[in-house]
Amino acid sequence: MGVQQHRQSKSRVRKRRATQKLTAPGFISCPQCHEPKLPHRVCPECGYYKDKEVVAAESK
């Protein structure tokens, strides 16, 4: 098992950890109802995917 010989500086540790952040998913607008939705998913508002109604829309 490796044993630490020298302490790593804060800047060296933070440079390594800077790439480990989470990114928010990118939303797009639905071409039918213009509500925000995740890409490559059926629109939860209108039920359309690629200009076809795939799921019956939920009535509110």
C-alpha atoms as a PDB file:
ATOM      1  CA  MET A   1       0.000   0.000   0.000  1.00  0.00           C
ATOM      2  CA  GLY A   2       1.363   3.400  -0.947  1.00  0.00           C
ATOM      3  CA  VAL A   3       2.318   5.829   1.773  1.00  0.00           C
ATOM      4  CA  GLN A   4       2.114   9.567   1.208  1.00  0.00           C
ATOM      5  CA  GLN A   5       5.607  11.094   1.122  1.00  0.00           C
ATOM      6  CA  HIS A   6       4.704  14.757   0.602  1.00  0.00           C
ATOM      7  CA  ARG A   7       1.535  16.718   1.174  1.00  0.00           C
ATOM      8  CA  GLN A   8      -0.284  17.820  -1.986  1.00  0.00           C
ATOM      9  CA  SER A   9      -1.022  21.520  -2.184  1.00  0.00           C
ATOM     10  CA  LYS A  10      -4.585  22.847  -2.246  1.00  0.00           C
ATOM     11  CA  SER A  11      -4.210  24.102  -5.803  1.00  0.00           C
ATOM     12  CA  ARG A  12      -3.059  20.702  -7.082  1.00  0.00           C
ATOM     13  CA  VAL A  13      -5.986  18.935  -5.395  1.00  0.00           C
ATOM     14  CA  ARG A  14      -8.501  21.526  -6.593  1.00  0.00           C
ATOM     15  CA  LYS A  15      -7.213  21.365 -10.181  1.00  0.00           C
ATOM     16  CA  ARG A  16      -7.843  17.634 -10.189  1.00  0.00           C
ATOM     17  CA  ARG A  17     -11.306  17.953  -8.644  1.00  0.00           C
ATOM     18  CA  ALA A  18     -12.381  20.804 -10.952  1.00  0.00           C
ATOM     19  CA  THR A  19     -13.412  18.345 -13.684  1.00  0.00           C
ATOM     20  CA  GLN A  20     -15.633  16.233 -11.419  1.00  0.00           C
ATOM     21  CA  LYS A  21     -18.597  18.595 -11.329  1.00  0.00           C
ATOM     22  CA  LEU A  22     -22.105  17.615 -12.389  1.00  0.00           C
ATOM     23  CA  THR A  23     -23.751  19.279 -15.361  1.00  0.00           C
ATOM     24  CA  ALA A  24     -27.418  20.080 -15.654  1.00  0.00           C
ATOM     25  CA  PRO A  25     -29.316  18.307 -18.445  1.00  0.00           C
ATOM     26  CA  GLY A  26     -29.963  20.387 -21.529  1.00  0.00           C
ATOM     27  CA  PHE A  27     -33.618  21.126 -22.175  1.00  0.00           C
ATOM     28  CA  ILE A  28     -35.068  21.787 -25.621  1.00  0.00           C
ATOM     29  CA  SER A  29     -38.491  23.092 -26.575  1.00  0.00           C
ATOM     30  CA  CYS A  30     -41.050  20.689 -27.995  1.00  0.00           C
ATOM     31  CA  PRO A  31     -41.779  21.481 -31.664  1.00  0.00           C
ATOM     32  CA  GLN A  32     -45.513  20.862 -31.118  1.00  0.00           C
ATOM     33  CA  CYS A  33     -46.400  22.603 -27.845  1.00  0.00           C
ATOM     34  CA  HIS A  34     -43.149  24.536 -27.196  1.00  0.00           C
ATOM     35  CA  GLU A  35     -42.843  23.255 -23.618  1.00  0.00           C
ATOM     36  CA  PRO A  36     -39.352  22.386 -22.317  1.00  0.00           C
ATOM     37  CA  LYS A  37     -38.480  18.695 -22.504  1.00  0.00           C
ATOM     38  CA  LEU A  38     -35.420  16.461 -22.409  1.00  0.00           C
ATOM     39  CA  PRO A  39     -33.967  15.567 -25.820  1.00  0.00           C
ATOM     40  CA  HIS A  40     -34.784  12.120 -27.298  1.00  0.00           C
ATOM     41  CA  ARG A  41     -37.781  11.708 -24.996  1.00  0.00           C
ATOM     42  CA  VAL A  42     -41.542  11.822 -25.494  1.00  0.00           C
ATOM     43  CA  CYS A  43     -42.960  15.209 -24.556  1.00  0.00           C
ATOM     44  CA  PRO A  44     -44.847  14.798 -21.261  1.00  0.00           C
ATOM     45  CA  GLU A  45     -47.239  17.639 -22.133  1.00  0.00           C
ATOM     46  CA  CYS A  46     -48.492  16.685 -25.588  1.00  0.00           C
ATOM     47  CA  GLY A  47     -47.220  13.102 -26.054  1.00  0.00           C
ATOM     48  CA  TYR A  48     -45.426  13.743 -29.342  1.00  0.00           C
ATOM     49  CA  TYR A  49     -42.054  12.330 -30.407  1.00  0.00           C
ATOM     50  CA  LYS A  50     -40.523  13.158 -33.800  1.00  0.00           C
ATOM     51  CA  ASP A  51     -43.730  14.742 -35.175  1.00  0.00           C
ATOM     52  CA  LYS A  52     -45.875  11.686 -34.281  1.00  0.00           C
ATOM     53  CA  GLU A  53     -48.265  11.258 -31.388  1.00  0.00           C
ATOM     54  CA  VAL A  54     -46.854   8.304 -29.482  1.00  0.00           C
ATOM     55  CA  VAL A  55     -48.694   8.589 -26.192  1.00  0.00           C
ATOM     56  CA  ALA A  56     -52.165   9.950 -25.608  1.00  0.00           C
ATOM     57  CA  ALA A  57     -51.869  13.325 -23.899  1.00  0.00           C
ATOM     58  CA  GLU A  58     -52.943  13.522 -20.277  1.00  0.00           C
ATOM     59  CA  SER A  59     -56.003  15.710 -19.850  1.00  0.00           C
ATOM     60  CA  LYS A  60     -55.723  18.142 -16.941  1.00  0.00           C
END
